[in-house]
Amino acid sequence: MKHVTIKDVARAMGCSVSTVSRAFNDKYDIHPDTRKRILDMAESMGYRPNPIARKLIKQRSFNIGMIVPEFETAFFPKVIMGAQEVLQAHNYQMIVMQSNESWETELKNVKMLVDNMVDGLIISLSSEDQNLDYYQELLSRKMPIVFFNRVADELNASKVLFEDYNWAFFATEHLITQGIKKIVHLASHEKLSFAKNRIQGFRDAHYKYRLDPGPTLNCGFSVEEGERVAQELIDKNDIPEAIFAASDLSAIGAIKTFKRNGYRIPHDLRVVGFSESRLASYIEPPLTSVSQPTTQIGKTAAELLIKEIENEVSVPQTVLLNGRLNVRASSMPSIQA
């Protein structure tokens, strides 16, 4: 396939290459009518600007690297969609890689993107223990980076966060105000800042009502992890009145296991999840869950990154986004499934 060049357009118009170039770049010294005729001719010929030439002129790759921990839940794909919408509007391409919850893979991905001269990075950290030295090095070299969802407080970089503490507090309070006192929290990896905030919100909701917080049990993000922890509670005959899970998938795993063992949800045990997955409204009974503005998280991260690339901000920014609690039958017997 032959690509139409600026010389082809100039030849068709019977003018110089410099005239066509001035039309493409909307220079002041070209008549509007002439510019319009050139642009119309270029469009009819199927002309597309040479991206390599554009990158050389601007001294940018117009590529953005994005690294997420996993694709198993709907959370990260929705964030990616939001970021892509903003980046495409600013003529950036996005390269997405996933760490599979591995710090080693995450580091390899970051180095590969940097070696390929991306203009900036959008990152959500893996759940494994990390050495942050390479990120510190990149930041010291003024590499534009925005972290979201899973961040490291030690890094002085822009961040897009959710009000995890507040909504963990509200979700727990939703249970307590129904007279529930024995609540178990299925927590995700405690070293992650958002997990710490959810744990603290869970505990502080108890303190508000002069209750001792229930146990916080280590649980991952998967259905299988929720099933495992629920079965352990059943085996110990230590059944709570309610479960507040740090993820929808672990909440769903717990529901499946308790129902399989003859417990009725929500009559015998109430369950609240976090992150409003697609499955939340389809499981039986439908799952009460905290909804996060996933698409907006991606958009905000991309907007912050573009500002850093364009030197519109001189200090790192932190943006906190709000959510809502979608109450369904899993946590309230009065709601019909």
C-alpha atoms as a PDB file:
ATOM      1  CA  MET A   1       0.000   0.000   0.000  1.00  0.00           C
ATOM      2  CA  LYS A   2       1.461   3.348  -1.073  1.00  0.00           C
ATOM      3  CA  HIS A   3       1.286   6.086   1.533  1.00  0.00           C
ATOM      4  CA  VAL A   4       0.357   9.551   0.335  1.00  0.00           C
ATOM      5  CA  THR A   5       3.080  12.053   1.217  1.00  0.00           C
ATOM      6  CA  ILE A   6       3.167  15.796   1.548  1.00  0.00           C
ATOM      7  CA  LYS A   7       4.967  15.896  -1.820  1.00  0.00           C
ATOM      8  CA  ASP A   8       2.037  14.075  -3.450  1.00  0.00           C
ATOM      9  CA  VAL A   9      -0.386  16.660  -2.087  1.00  0.00           C
ATOM     10  CA  ALA A  10       1.845  19.528  -3.288  1.00  0.00           C
ATOM     11  CA  ARG A  11       2.075  17.947  -6.749  1.00  0.00           C
ATOM     12  CA  ALA A  12      -1.709  17.562  -6.955  1.00  0.00           C
ATOM     13  CA  MET A  13      -2.243  21.158  -5.902  1.00  0.00           C
ATOM     14  CA  GLY A  14       0.467  22.528  -8.148  1.00  0.00           C
ATOM     15  CA  CYS A  15       2.155  24.344  -5.284  1.00  0.00           C
ATOM     16  CA  SER A  16       5.299  23.994  -3.201  1.00  0.00           C
ATOM     17  CA  VAL A  17       5.818  21.551  -0.342  1.00  0.00           C
ATOM     18  CA  SER A  18       6.394  24.518   1.997  1.00  0.00           C
ATOM     19  CA  THR A  19       2.966  25.926   1.127  1.00  0.00           C
ATOM     20  CA  VAL A  20       1.287  22.609   1.961  1.00  0.00           C
ATOM     21  CA  SER A  21       3.302  22.409   5.188  1.00  0.00           C
ATOM     22  CA  ARG A  22       2.154  25.882   6.215  1.00  0.00           C
ATOM     23  CA  ALA A  23      -1.453  24.870   5.520  1.00  0.00           C
ATOM     24  CA  PHE A  24      -1.106  21.729   7.659  1.00  0.00           C
ATOM     25  CA  ASN A  25       0.410  23.715  10.507  1.00  0.00           C
ATOM     26  CA  ASP A  26      -2.147  26.551  10.240  1.00  0.00           C
ATOM     27  CA  LYS A  27       0.485  29.250   9.757  1.00  0.00           C
ATOM     28  CA  TYR A  28      -0.578  32.877   9.730  1.00  0.00           C
ATOM     29  CA  ASP A  29       0.928  33.626   6.315  1.00  0.00           C
ATOM     30  CA  ILE A  30      -1.378  31.384   4.271  1.00  0.00           C
ATOM     31  CA  HIS A  31      -4.798  32.505   3.055  1.00  0.00           C
ATOM     32  CA  PRO A  32      -7.719  30.645   4.701  1.00  0.00           C
ATOM     33  CA  ASP A  33      -9.200  29.721   1.316  1.00  0.00           C
ATOM     34  CA  THR A  34      -5.880  28.270   0.147  1.00  0.00           C
ATOM     35  CA  ARG A  35      -5.525  26.323   3.363  1.00  0.00           C
ATOM     36  CA  LYS A  36      -9.006  24.893   3.006  1.00  0.00           C
ATOM     37  CA  ARG A  37      -8.384  23.766  -0.580  1.00  0.00           C
ATOM     38  CA  ILE A  38      -5.136  22.063   0.452  1.00  0.00           C
ATOM     39  CA  LEU A  39      -6.765  20.323   3.418  1.00  0.00           C
ATOM     40  CA  ASP A  40      -9.673  19.171   1.251  1.00  0.00           C
ATOM     41  CA  MET A  41      -7.270  17.810  -1.354  1.00  0.00           C
ATOM     42  CA  ALA A  42      -5.221  16.032   1.318  1.00  0.00           C
ATOM     43  CA  GLU A  43      -8.339  14.423   2.760  1.00  0.00           C
ATOM     44  CA  SER A  44      -9.592  13.286  -0.642  1.00  0.00           C
ATOM     45  CA  MET A  45      -6.197  11.689  -1.346  1.00  0.00           C
ATOM     46  CA  GLY A  46      -6.174   9.870   1.998  1.00  0.00           C
ATOM     47  CA  TYR A  47      -3.187  11.783   3.332  1.00  0.00           C
ATOM     48  CA  ARG A  48      -2.181  11.072   6.948  1.00  0.00           C
ATOM     49  CA  PRO A  49       0.594  12.984   8.750  1.00  0.00           C
ATOM     50  CA  ASN A  50       3.794  11.013   9.277  1.00  0.00           C
ATOM     51  CA  PRO A  51       3.772  10.084  12.995  1.00  0.00           C
ATOM     52  CA  ILE A  52       7.525   9.515  13.070  1.00  0.00           C
ATOM     53  CA  ALA A  53       8.205  12.989  11.684  1.00  0.00           C
ATOM     54  CA  ARG A  54       5.808  14.460  14.240  1.00  0.00           C
ATOM     55  CA  LYS A  55       7.591  12.702  17.070  1.00  0.00           C
ATOM     56  CA  LEU A  56      10.982  13.900  15.871  1.00  0.00           C
ATOM     57  CA  ILE A  57       9.782  17.494  15.582  1.00  0.00           C
ATOM     58  CA  LYS A  58       8.126  17.479  19.021  1.00  0.00           C
ATOM     59  CA  GLN A  59      10.926  15.375  20.588  1.00  0.00           C
ATOM     60  CA  ARG A  60       8.318  13.088  22.115  1.00  0.00           C
ATOM     61  CA  SER A  61       7.166   9.544  21.475  1.00  0.00           C
ATOM     62  CA  PHE A  62       3.481  10.368  22.139  1.00  0.00           C
ATOM     63  CA  ASN A  63       3.310   6.978  23.847  1.00  0.00           C
ATOM     64  CA  ILE A  64       2.126   6.495  27.424  1.00  0.00           C
ATOM     65  CA  GLY A  65       2.846   3.358  29.431  1.00  0.00           C
ATOM     66  CA  MET A  66       0.226   1.965  31.787  1.00  0.00           C
ATOM     67  CA  ILE A  67       0.824  -0.926  34.204  1.00  0.00           C
ATOM     68  CA  VAL A  68      -1.919  -2.663  36.174  1.00  0.00           C
ATOM     69  CA  PRO A  69      -1.720  -5.661  38.546  1.00  0.00           C
ATOM     70  CA  GLU A  70      -4.355  -7.866  36.889  1.00  0.00           C
ATOM     71  CA  PHE A  71      -7.177  -8.115  34.363  1.00  0.00           C
ATOM     72  CA  GLU A  72      -9.346 -10.609  36.289  1.00  0.00           C
ATOM     73  CA  THR A  73     -11.732  -8.014  37.721  1.00  0.00           C
ATOM     74  CA  ALA A  74     -13.604  -5.295  35.836  1.00  0.00           C
ATOM     75  CA  PHE A  75     -11.943  -2.558  37.890  1.00  0.00           C
ATOM     76  CA  PHE A  76      -8.726  -2.139  35.914  1.00  0.00           C
ATOM     77  CA  PRO A  77     -10.206  -2.521  32.399  1.00  0.00           C
ATOM     78  CA  LYS A  78     -12.633   0.305  33.227  1.00  0.00           C
ATOM     79  CA  VAL A  79      -9.792   2.481  34.493  1.00  0.00           C
ATOM     80  CA  ILE A  80      -7.890   1.757  31.280  1.00  0.00           C
ATOM     81  CA  MET A  81     -10.904   2.782  29.191  1.00  0.00           C
ATOM     82  CA  GLY A  82     -11.144   6.100  31.025  1.00  0.00           C
ATOM     83  CA  ALA A  83      -7.441   6.830  30.593  1.00  0.00           C
ATOM     84  CA  GLN A  84      -7.531   5.879  26.923  1.00  0.00           C
ATOM     85  CA  GLU A  85     -10.407   8.269  26.236  1.00  0.00           C
ATOM     86  CA  VAL A  86      -8.404  11.225  27.550  1.00  0.00           C
ATOM     87  CA  LEU A  87      -5.088  10.199  26.003  1.00  0.00           C
ATOM     88  CA  GLN A  88      -6.553   9.623  22.542  1.00  0.00           C
ATOM     89  CA  ALA A  89      -8.181  13.059  22.672  1.00  0.00           C
ATOM     90  CA  HIS A  90      -4.664  14.469  23.154  1.00  0.00           C
ATOM     91  CA  ASN A  91      -3.177  12.295  20.378  1.00  0.00           C
ATOM     92  CA  TYR A  92      -1.303   9.931  22.691  1.00  0.00           C
ATOM     93  CA  GLN A  93      -1.091   6.174  22.236  1.00  0.00           C
ATOM     94  CA  MET A  94      -1.310   3.932  25.268  1.00  0.00           C
ATOM     95  CA  ILE A  95       0.736   0.785  25.882  1.00  0.00           C
ATOM     96  CA  VAL A  96      -0.868  -1.373  28.578  1.00  0.00           C
ATOM     97  CA  MET A  97       1.023  -4.074  30.480  1.00  0.00           C
ATOM     98  CA  GLN A  98       0.075  -6.133  33.533  1.00  0.00           C
ATOM     99  CA  SER A  99       2.263  -7.356  36.374  1.00  0.00           C
ATOM    100  CA  ASN A 100       0.178 -10.383  37.373  1.00  0.00           C
ATOM    101  CA  GLU A 101       0.655  -9.243  40.999  1.00  0.00           C
ATOM    102  CA  SER A 102       4.423  -9.765  40.643  1.00  0.00           C
ATOM    103  CA  TRP A 103       6.877  -7.045  41.675  1.00  0.00           C
ATOM    104  CA  GLU A 104       9.562  -8.573  39.458  1.00  0.00           C
ATOM    105  CA  THR A 105       7.272  -8.508  36.412  1.00  0.00           C
ATOM    106  CA  GLU A 106       6.171  -4.977  37.242  1.00  0.00           C
ATOM    107  CA  LEU A 107       9.785  -3.774  37.340  1.00  0.00           C
ATOM    108  CA  LYS A 108      10.565  -5.475  34.012  1.00  0.00           C
ATOM    109  CA  ASN A 109       7.500  -3.830  32.467  1.00  0.00           C
ATOM    110  CA  VAL A 110       8.474  -0.382  33.730  1.00  0.00           C
ATOM    111  CA  LYS A 111      12.033  -0.704  32.444  1.00  0.00           C
ATOM    112  CA  MET A 112      10.804  -1.928  29.058  1.00  0.00           C
ATOM    113  CA  LEU A 113       8.453   1.039  28.715  1.00  0.00           C
ATOM    114  CA  VAL A 114      11.157   3.507  29.776  1.00  0.00           C
ATOM    115  CA  ASP A 115      13.632   1.932  27.324  1.00  0.00           C
ATOM    116  CA  ASN A 116      11.024   2.459  24.593  1.00  0.00           C
ATOM    117  CA  MET A 117      10.919   6.158  25.472  1.00  0.00           C
ATOM    118  CA  VAL A 118       7.362   6.572  26.687  1.00  0.00           C
ATOM    119  CA  ASP A 119       6.543  10.147  27.648  1.00  0.00           C
ATOM    120  CA  GLY A 120       5.017   9.138  30.986  1.00  0.00           C
ATOM    121  CA  LEU A 121       3.682   6.298  33.117  1.00  0.00           C
ATOM    122  CA  ILE A 122       0.372   5.500  34.837  1.00  0.00           C
ATOM    123  CA  ILE A 123       0.846   2.739  37.428  1.00  0.00           C
ATOM    124  CA  SER A 124      -1.064   0.702  39.988  1.00  0.00           C
ATOM    125  CA  LEU A 125       1.392  -1.273  42.095  1.00  0.00           C
ATOM    126  CA  SER A 126       1.399  -5.050  42.536  1.00  0.00           C
ATOM    127  CA  SER A 127       0.545  -6.628  45.876  1.00  0.00           C
ATOM    128  CA  GLU A 128       4.035  -8.065  46.425  1.00  0.00           C
ATOM    129  CA  ASP A 129       6.665  -6.437  48.614  1.00  0.00           C
ATOM    130  CA  GLN A 130       8.568  -3.900  46.603  1.00  0.00           C
ATOM    131  CA  ASN A 131      11.827  -2.061  46.358  1.00  0.00           C
ATOM    132  CA  LEU A 132      10.901   1.471  45.328  1.00  0.00           C
ATOM    133  CA  ASP A 133      14.430   2.588  44.406  1.00  0.00           C
ATOM    134  CA  TYR A 134      13.824   2.473  40.639  1.00  0.00           C
ATOM    135  CA  TYR A 135      10.704   4.609  40.944  1.00  0.00           C
ATOM    136  CA  GLN A 136      12.650   7.065  43.076  1.00  0.00           C
ATOM    137  CA  GLU A 137      15.313   7.180  40.377  1.00  0.00           C
ATOM    138  CA  LEU A 138      12.741   7.852  37.634  1.00  0.00           C
ATOM    139  CA  LEU A 139      11.118  10.609  39.661  1.00  0.00           C
ATOM    140  CA  SER A 140      14.510  12.213  40.332  1.00  0.00           C
ATOM    141  CA  ARG A 141      15.023  12.234  36.552  1.00  0.00           C
ATOM    142  CA  LYS A 142      11.692  14.094  36.197  1.00  0.00           C
ATOM    143  CA  MET A 143       9.888  11.206  34.518  1.00  0.00           C
ATOM    144  CA  PRO A 144       6.158  12.061  34.617  1.00  0.00           C
ATOM    145  CA  ILE A 145       4.433   9.322  36.673  1.00  0.00           C
ATOM    146  CA  VAL A 146       0.932   9.097  38.122  1.00  0.00           C
ATOM    147  CA  PHE A 147       0.046   6.311  40.546  1.00  0.00           C
ATOM    148  CA  PHE A 148      -3.541   5.233  41.169  1.00  0.00           C
ATOM    149  CA  ASN A 149      -5.489   2.912  43.475  1.00  0.00           C
ATOM    150  CA  ARG A 150      -2.428   1.045  44.779  1.00  0.00           C
ATOM    151  CA  VAL A 151       0.192   3.593  45.696  1.00  0.00           C
ATOM    152  CA  ALA A 152       3.273   3.913  47.875  1.00  0.00           C
ATOM    153  CA  ASP A 153       3.129   6.762  50.373  1.00  0.00           C
ATOM    154  CA  GLU A 154       6.932   6.996  50.286  1.00  0.00           C
ATOM    155  CA  LEU A 155       6.915   8.176  46.664  1.00  0.00           C
ATOM    156  CA  ASN A 156       6.532  11.910  46.100  1.00  0.00           C
ATOM    157  CA  ALA A 157       4.476  11.557  42.934  1.00  0.00           C
ATOM    158  CA  SER A 158       1.011  12.442  41.686  1.00  0.00           C
ATOM    159  CA  LYS A 159      -1.714  10.056  42.839  1.00  0.00           C
ATOM    160  CA  VAL A 160      -5.371   9.365  42.108  1.00  0.00           C
ATOM    161  CA  LEU A 161      -7.063   7.795  45.107  1.00  0.00           C
ATOM    162  CA  PHE A 162     -10.490   6.718  46.269  1.00  0.00           C
ATOM    163  CA  GLU A 163     -12.026   7.648  49.625  1.00  0.00           C
ATOM    164  CA  ASP A 164     -11.402   4.108  50.898  1.00  0.00           C
ATOM    165  CA  TYR A 165     -11.500   5.007  54.574  1.00  0.00           C
ATOM    166  CA  ASN A 166     -14.833   6.837  54.367  1.00  0.00           C
ATOM    167  CA  TRP A 167     -16.598   4.182  52.339  1.00  0.00           C
ATOM    168  CA  ALA A 168     -15.298   1.314  54.451  1.00  0.00           C
ATOM    169  CA  PHE A 169     -16.609   3.265  57.434  1.00  0.00           C
ATOM    170  CA  PHE A 170     -20.022   3.810  55.783  1.00  0.00           C
ATOM    171  CA  ALA A 171     -20.292   0.176  54.660  1.00  0.00           C
ATOM    172  CA  THR A 172     -19.556  -1.051  58.186  1.00  0.00           C
ATOM    173  CA  GLU A 173     -21.918   1.512  59.700  1.00  0.00           C
ATOM    174  CA  HIS A 174     -24.650   0.273  57.341  1.00  0.00           C
ATOM    175  CA  LEU A 175     -24.390  -3.101  59.099  1.00  0.00           C
ATOM    176  CA  ILE A 176     -23.992  -1.774  62.638  1.00  0.00           C
ATOM    177  CA  THR A 177     -27.081   0.450  62.424  1.00  0.00           C
ATOM    178  CA  GLN A 178     -29.145  -2.663  61.701  1.00  0.00           C
ATOM    179  CA  GLY A 179     -28.143  -4.044  65.101  1.00  0.00           C
ATOM    180  CA  ILE A 180     -25.306  -6.212  63.795  1.00  0.00           C
ATOM    181  CA  LYS A 181     -22.404  -6.454  66.246  1.00  0.00           C
ATOM    182  CA  LYS A 182     -20.284  -9.436  65.201  1.00  0.00           C
ATOM    183  CA  ILE A 183     -18.734  -8.381  61.875  1.00  0.00           C
ATOM    184  CA  VAL A 184     -15.693  -9.914  60.208  1.00  0.00           C
ATOM    185  CA  HIS A 185     -13.596  -7.951  57.715  1.00  0.00           C
ATOM    186  CA  LEU A 186     -12.063  -9.902  54.834  1.00  0.00           C
ATOM    187  CA  ALA A 187      -9.078  -7.648  54.206  1.00  0.00           C
ATOM    188  CA  SER A 188      -6.809  -7.566  51.185  1.00  0.00           C
ATOM    189  CA  HIS A 189      -3.011  -7.240  51.409  1.00  0.00           C
ATOM    190  CA  GLU A 190      -2.409  -5.038  54.451  1.00  0.00           C
ATOM    191  CA  LYS A 191       0.737  -3.393  53.090  1.00  0.00           C
ATOM    192  CA  LEU A 192      -1.313  -1.671  50.359  1.00  0.00           C
ATOM    193  CA  SER A 193      -2.357   1.817  51.432  1.00  0.00           C
ATOM    194  CA  PHE A 194      -5.975   1.421  50.341  1.00  0.00           C
ATOM    195  CA  ALA A 195      -6.238  -1.830  52.329  1.00  0.00           C
ATOM    196  CA  LYS A 196      -4.933  -0.062  55.449  1.00  0.00           C
ATOM    197  CA  ASN A 197      -7.508   2.696  54.959  1.00  0.00           C
ATOM    198  CA  ARG A 198     -10.359   0.202  54.590  1.00  0.00           C
ATOM    199  CA  ILE A 199      -9.272  -1.630  57.735  1.00  0.00           C
ATOM    200  CA  GLN A 200      -9.137   1.630  59.679  1.00  0.00           C
ATOM    201  CA  GLY A 201     -12.564   2.677  58.392  1.00  0.00           C
ATOM    202  CA  PHE A 202     -13.962  -0.710  59.464  1.00  0.00           C
ATOM    203  CA  ARG A 203     -12.515  -0.311  62.962  1.00  0.00           C
ATOM    204  CA  ASP A 204     -13.463   3.335  63.446  1.00  0.00           C
ATOM    205  CA  ALA A 205     -17.099   2.626  62.555  1.00  0.00           C
ATOM    206  CA  HIS A 206     -17.141   0.206  65.503  1.00  0.00           C
ATOM    207  CA  TYR A 207     -15.528   2.761  67.803  1.00  0.00           C
ATOM    208  CA  LYS A 208     -18.182   5.330  66.875  1.00  0.00           C
ATOM    209  CA  TYR A 209     -20.839   2.988  68.284  1.00  0.00           C
ATOM    210  CA  ARG A 210     -18.701   1.928  71.268  1.00  0.00           C
ATOM    211  CA  LEU A 211     -18.202  -1.561  69.905  1.00  0.00           C
ATOM    212  CA  ASP A 212     -15.067  -3.668  69.823  1.00  0.00           C
ATOM    213  CA  PRO A 213     -14.030  -4.203  66.176  1.00  0.00           C
ATOM    214  CA  GLY A 214     -14.472  -7.696  64.831  1.00  0.00           C
ATOM    215  CA  PRO A 215     -11.513  -9.646  63.457  1.00  0.00           C
ATOM    216  CA  THR A 216      -9.686  -8.662  60.295  1.00  0.00           C
ATOM    217  CA  LEU A 217      -8.847 -11.779  58.308  1.00  0.00           C
ATOM    218  CA  ASN A 218      -6.200 -11.882  55.614  1.00  0.00           C
ATOM    219  CA  CYS A 219      -7.881 -12.539  52.279  1.00  0.00           C
ATOM    220  CA  GLY A 220      -6.932 -11.809  48.686  1.00  0.00           C
ATOM    221  CA  PHE A 221      -9.088 -10.400  45.928  1.00  0.00           C
ATOM    222  CA  SER A 222     -10.361 -13.659  44.409  1.00  0.00           C
ATOM    223  CA  VAL A 223     -13.491 -15.790  44.735  1.00  0.00           C
ATOM    224  CA  GLU A 224     -11.268 -18.687  45.804  1.00  0.00           C
ATOM    225  CA  GLU A 225      -9.794 -16.672  48.674  1.00  0.00           C
ATOM    226  CA  GLY A 226     -13.277 -15.725  49.871  1.00  0.00           C
ATOM    227  CA  GLU A 227     -14.308 -19.384  49.750  1.00  0.00           C
ATOM    228  CA  ARG A 228     -11.212 -20.395  51.714  1.00  0.00           C
ATOM    229  CA  VAL A 229     -11.753 -17.902  54.545  1.00  0.00           C
ATOM    230  CA  ALA A 230     -15.476 -18.670  54.774  1.00  0.00           C
ATOM    231  CA  GLN A 231     -14.782 -22.390  55.031  1.00  0.00           C
ATOM    232  CA  GLU A 232     -12.257 -21.747  57.809  1.00  0.00           C
ATOM    233  CA  LEU A 233     -14.915 -19.850  59.777  1.00  0.00           C
ATOM    234  CA  ILE A 234     -17.384 -22.693  59.285  1.00  0.00           C
ATOM    235  CA  ASP A 235     -14.844 -25.321  60.323  1.00  0.00           C
ATOM    236  CA  LYS A 236     -14.141 -23.382  63.513  1.00  0.00           C
ATOM    237  CA  ASN A 237     -17.886 -22.905  64.134  1.00  0.00           C
ATOM    238  CA  ASP A 238     -17.138 -19.174  64.433  1.00  0.00           C
ATOM    239  CA  ILE A 239     -19.911 -17.743  62.286  1.00  0.00           C
ATOM    240  CA  PRO A 240     -20.229 -13.926  62.286  1.00  0.00           C
ATOM    241  CA  GLU A 241     -23.448 -12.003  61.892  1.00  0.00           C
ATOM    242  CA  ALA A 242     -22.003 -10.161  58.890  1.00  0.00           C
ATOM    243  CA  ILE A 243     -19.000  -9.955  56.583  1.00  0.00           C
ATOM    244  CA  PHE A 244     -17.532  -6.798  55.109  1.00  0.00           C
ATOM    245  CA  ALA A 245     -15.164  -7.832  52.317  1.00  0.00           C
ATOM    246  CA  ALA A 246     -12.516  -5.603  50.733  1.00  0.00           C
ATOM    247  CA  SER A 247     -13.463  -6.896  47.283  1.00  0.00           C
ATOM    248  CA  ASP A 248     -16.619  -8.110  45.578  1.00  0.00           C
ATOM    249  CA  LEU A 249     -14.992 -11.341  44.435  1.00  0.00           C
ATOM    250  CA  SER A 250     -13.979 -12.410  47.938  1.00  0.00           C
ATOM    251  CA  ALA A 251     -17.475 -11.470  49.151  1.00  0.00           C
ATOM    252  CA  ILE A 252     -19.017 -13.618  46.416  1.00  0.00           C
ATOM    253  CA  GLY A 253     -16.721 -16.504  47.325  1.00  0.00           C
ATOM    254  CA  ALA A 254     -17.865 -16.239  50.946  1.00  0.00           C
ATOM    255  CA  ILE A 255     -21.542 -16.163  49.914  1.00  0.00           C
ATOM    256  CA  LYS A 256     -21.101 -19.281  47.775  1.00  0.00           C
ATOM    257  CA  THR A 257     -19.452 -21.217  50.600  1.00  0.00           C
ATOM    258  CA  PHE A 258     -21.944 -20.245  53.297  1.00  0.00           C
ATOM    259  CA  LYS A 259     -24.904 -21.052  51.037  1.00  0.00           C
ATOM    260  CA  ARG A 260     -23.348 -24.397  50.155  1.00  0.00           C
ATOM    261  CA  ASN A 261     -23.219 -25.156  53.870  1.00  0.00           C
ATOM    262  CA  GLY A 262     -26.867 -24.310  54.442  1.00  0.00           C
ATOM    263  CA  TYR A 263     -26.641 -20.694  55.607  1.00  0.00           C
ATOM    264  CA  ARG A 264     -29.189 -18.209  54.295  1.00  0.00           C
ATOM    265  CA  ILE A 265     -27.991 -14.860  53.047  1.00  0.00           C
ATOM    266  CA  PRO A 266     -28.945 -12.330  54.464  1.00  0.00           C
ATOM    267  CA  HIS A 267     -31.128 -13.964  57.157  1.00  0.00           C
ATOM    268  CA  ASP A 268     -28.328 -15.930  58.840  1.00  0.00           C
ATOM    269  CA  LEU A 269     -25.425 -13.811  57.624  1.00  0.00           C
ATOM    270  CA  ARG A 270     -25.212 -10.445  55.876  1.00  0.00           C
ATOM    271  CA  VAL A 271     -22.513  -9.600  53.346  1.00  0.00           C
ATOM    272  CA  VAL A 272     -21.130  -6.341  51.915  1.00  0.00           C
ATOM    273  CA  GLY A 273     -18.496  -6.132  49.179  1.00  0.00           C
ATOM    274  CA  PHE A 274     -16.319  -3.416  47.680  1.00  0.00           C
ATOM    275  CA  SER A 275     -15.752  -2.130  44.122  1.00  0.00           C
ATOM    276  CA  GLU A 276     -19.160  -2.819  42.490  1.00  0.00           C
ATOM    277  CA  SER A 277     -18.216  -5.556  40.044  1.00  0.00           C
ATOM    278  CA  ARG A 278     -20.569  -6.667  37.292  1.00  0.00           C
ATOM    279  CA  LEU A 279     -21.293  -9.824  39.257  1.00  0.00           C
ATOM    280  CA  ALA A 280     -22.613  -7.870  42.252  1.00  0.00           C
ATOM    281  CA  SER A 281     -26.125  -7.475  40.853  1.00  0.00           C
ATOM    282  CA  TYR A 282     -26.269 -10.980  39.327  1.00  0.00           C
ATOM    283  CA  ILE A 283     -25.321 -13.181  42.275  1.00  0.00           C
ATOM    284  CA  GLU A 284     -28.158 -14.535  44.433  1.00  0.00           C
ATOM    285  CA  PRO A 285     -28.900 -12.608  46.543  1.00  0.00           C
ATOM    286  CA  PRO A 286     -27.588  -9.442  44.861  1.00  0.00           C
ATOM    287  CA  LEU A 287     -24.535  -8.074  46.639  1.00  0.00           C
ATOM    288  CA  THR A 288     -24.415  -4.771  48.495  1.00  0.00           C
ATOM    289  CA  SER A 289     -21.208  -3.089  47.359  1.00  0.00           C
ATOM    290  CA  VAL A 290     -19.239   0.150  47.446  1.00  0.00           C
ATOM    291  CA  SER A 291     -19.086   1.632  43.963  1.00  0.00           C
ATOM    292  CA  GLN A 292     -15.898   3.375  42.831  1.00  0.00           C
ATOM    293  CA  PRO A 293     -15.783   5.804  39.860  1.00  0.00           C
ATOM    294  CA  THR A 294     -13.456   3.534  37.885  1.00  0.00           C
ATOM    295  CA  THR A 295     -13.686   5.320  34.540  1.00  0.00           C
ATOM    296  CA  GLN A 296     -13.162   8.686  36.233  1.00  0.00           C
ATOM    297  CA  ILE A 297     -10.088   7.332  38.024  1.00  0.00           C
ATOM    298  CA  GLY A 298      -8.555   6.567  34.621  1.00  0.00           C
ATOM    299  CA  LYS A 299      -9.551   9.922  33.161  1.00  0.00           C
ATOM    300  CA  THR A 300      -8.166  11.835  36.129  1.00  0.00           C
ATOM    301  CA  ALA A 301      -4.871   9.922  36.064  1.00  0.00           C
ATOM    302  CA  ALA A 302      -4.445  10.641  32.354  1.00  0.00           C
ATOM    303  CA  GLU A 303      -5.299  14.329  32.786  1.00  0.00           C
ATOM    304  CA  LEU A 304      -2.745  14.675  35.602  1.00  0.00           C
ATOM    305  CA  LEU A 305      -0.091  12.942  33.517  1.00  0.00           C
ATOM    306  CA  ILE A 306      -0.660  15.186  30.504  1.00  0.00           C
ATOM    307  CA  LYS A 307      -0.324  18.253  32.734  1.00  0.00           C
ATOM    308  CA  GLU A 308       3.004  16.924  33.987  1.00  0.00           C
ATOM    309  CA  ILE A 309       4.215  16.209  30.449  1.00  0.00           C
ATOM    310  CA  GLU A 310       3.145  19.684  29.333  1.00  0.00           C
ATOM    311  CA  ASN A 311       4.831  21.220  32.407  1.00  0.00           C
ATOM    312  CA  GLU A 312       1.520  22.660  33.605  1.00  0.00           C
ATOM    313  CA  VAL A 313       2.131  21.508  37.194  1.00  0.00           C
ATOM    314  CA  SER A 314       5.334  21.910  39.184  1.00  0.00           C
ATOM    315  CA  VAL A 315       4.530  19.793  42.242  1.00  0.00           C
ATOM    316  CA  PRO A 316       2.860  16.380  42.539  1.00  0.00           C
ATOM    317  CA  GLN A 317      -0.917  16.429  42.864  1.00  0.00           C
ATOM    318  CA  THR A 318      -3.169  14.069  44.838  1.00  0.00           C
ATOM    319  CA  VAL A 319      -6.806  13.725  43.799  1.00  0.00           C
ATOM    320  CA  LEU A 320      -9.373  11.985  46.029  1.00  0.00           C
ATOM    321  CA  LEU A 321     -12.526  10.659  44.364  1.00  0.00           C
ATOM    322  CA  ASN A 322     -15.815   9.814  46.037  1.00  0.00           C
ATOM    323  CA  GLY A 323     -18.174   6.843  45.655  1.00  0.00           C
ATOM    324  CA  ARG A 324     -21.480   5.442  46.868  1.00  0.00           C
ATOM    325  CA  LEU A 325     -22.890   2.401  48.653  1.00  0.00           C
ATOM    326  CA  ASN A 326     -25.282   0.372  46.492  1.00  0.00           C
ATOM    327  CA  VAL A 327     -27.494  -1.414  48.998  1.00  0.00           C
ATOM    328  CA  ARG A 328     -28.946  -4.743  47.849  1.00  0.00           C
ATOM    329  CA  ALA A 329     -30.496  -7.846  49.376  1.00  0.00           C
ATOM    330  CA  SER A 330     -27.250  -9.429  50.660  1.00  0.00           C
ATOM    331  CA  SER A 331     -27.148  -6.981  53.566  1.00  0.00           C
ATOM    332  CA  MET A 332     -30.825  -6.176  54.177  1.00  0.00           C
ATOM    333  CA  PRO A 333     -33.499  -8.855  54.644  1.00  0.00           C
ATOM    334  CA  SER A 334     -36.202  -6.270  53.895  1.00  0.00           C
ATOM    335  CA  ILE A 335     -34.990  -5.959  50.283  1.00  0.00           C
ATOM    336  CA  GLN A 336     -36.393  -8.583  47.975  1.00  0.00           C
ATOM    337  CA  ALA A 337     -33.763 -10.197  45.757  1.00  0.00           C
END
